Amino acid sequence: MRGDGPLIAIGHSGGAAQLALALSLQEGVVDEAILVSCPCDLNLWRLMNPQWSPDMLVRSVSATDVVPTDIQKVTILVGEDDDITPPEMSQSYSQHLSSAEISHSLTIVPGGDHAGNRALSRAWLMAILAARERVLD
């Protein structure tokens, strides 16, 4: 059960994809979400990863197939050098949120990678602090 205060949820990689899906399950799950290196478009992920078996993830739901409900803002971060979940995946989810008129931002972090190097970690921290400011206003 959610408490009375504002809630910011953060997910990285597969955790970001799961969080993106959770945002569509129930209203008011969180006030803001920060998705880092999100493979939120499974169709694009499959195209970019032909080495995976075609029957991989056949029962998985892509975050681009659902719409978040009742969220103030979604922040999407991805490193420009992320070779696991390249920026195109985050850009696809950003376009999905735009078409659903969901408030969001997308930052492609210069020098950022997938593992959370200094550039990505700094962007992640800045996103947390900015979200905190917004929800506490």
Foldseek 3Di string as FASTA:
>chain_A
DDDDAAFEEEAAEVGLLVVLVVLQPDAPPHQEYEYELYQQAVVVLCVLCVVDDPCPCVVPDHSLVGAGHHYQEYEYEYECAEPNRHPVSVVSVVVSCVVVVGHYYYDHFYPDYRVCPPRNVVVVVVVVVVVVVVRVD
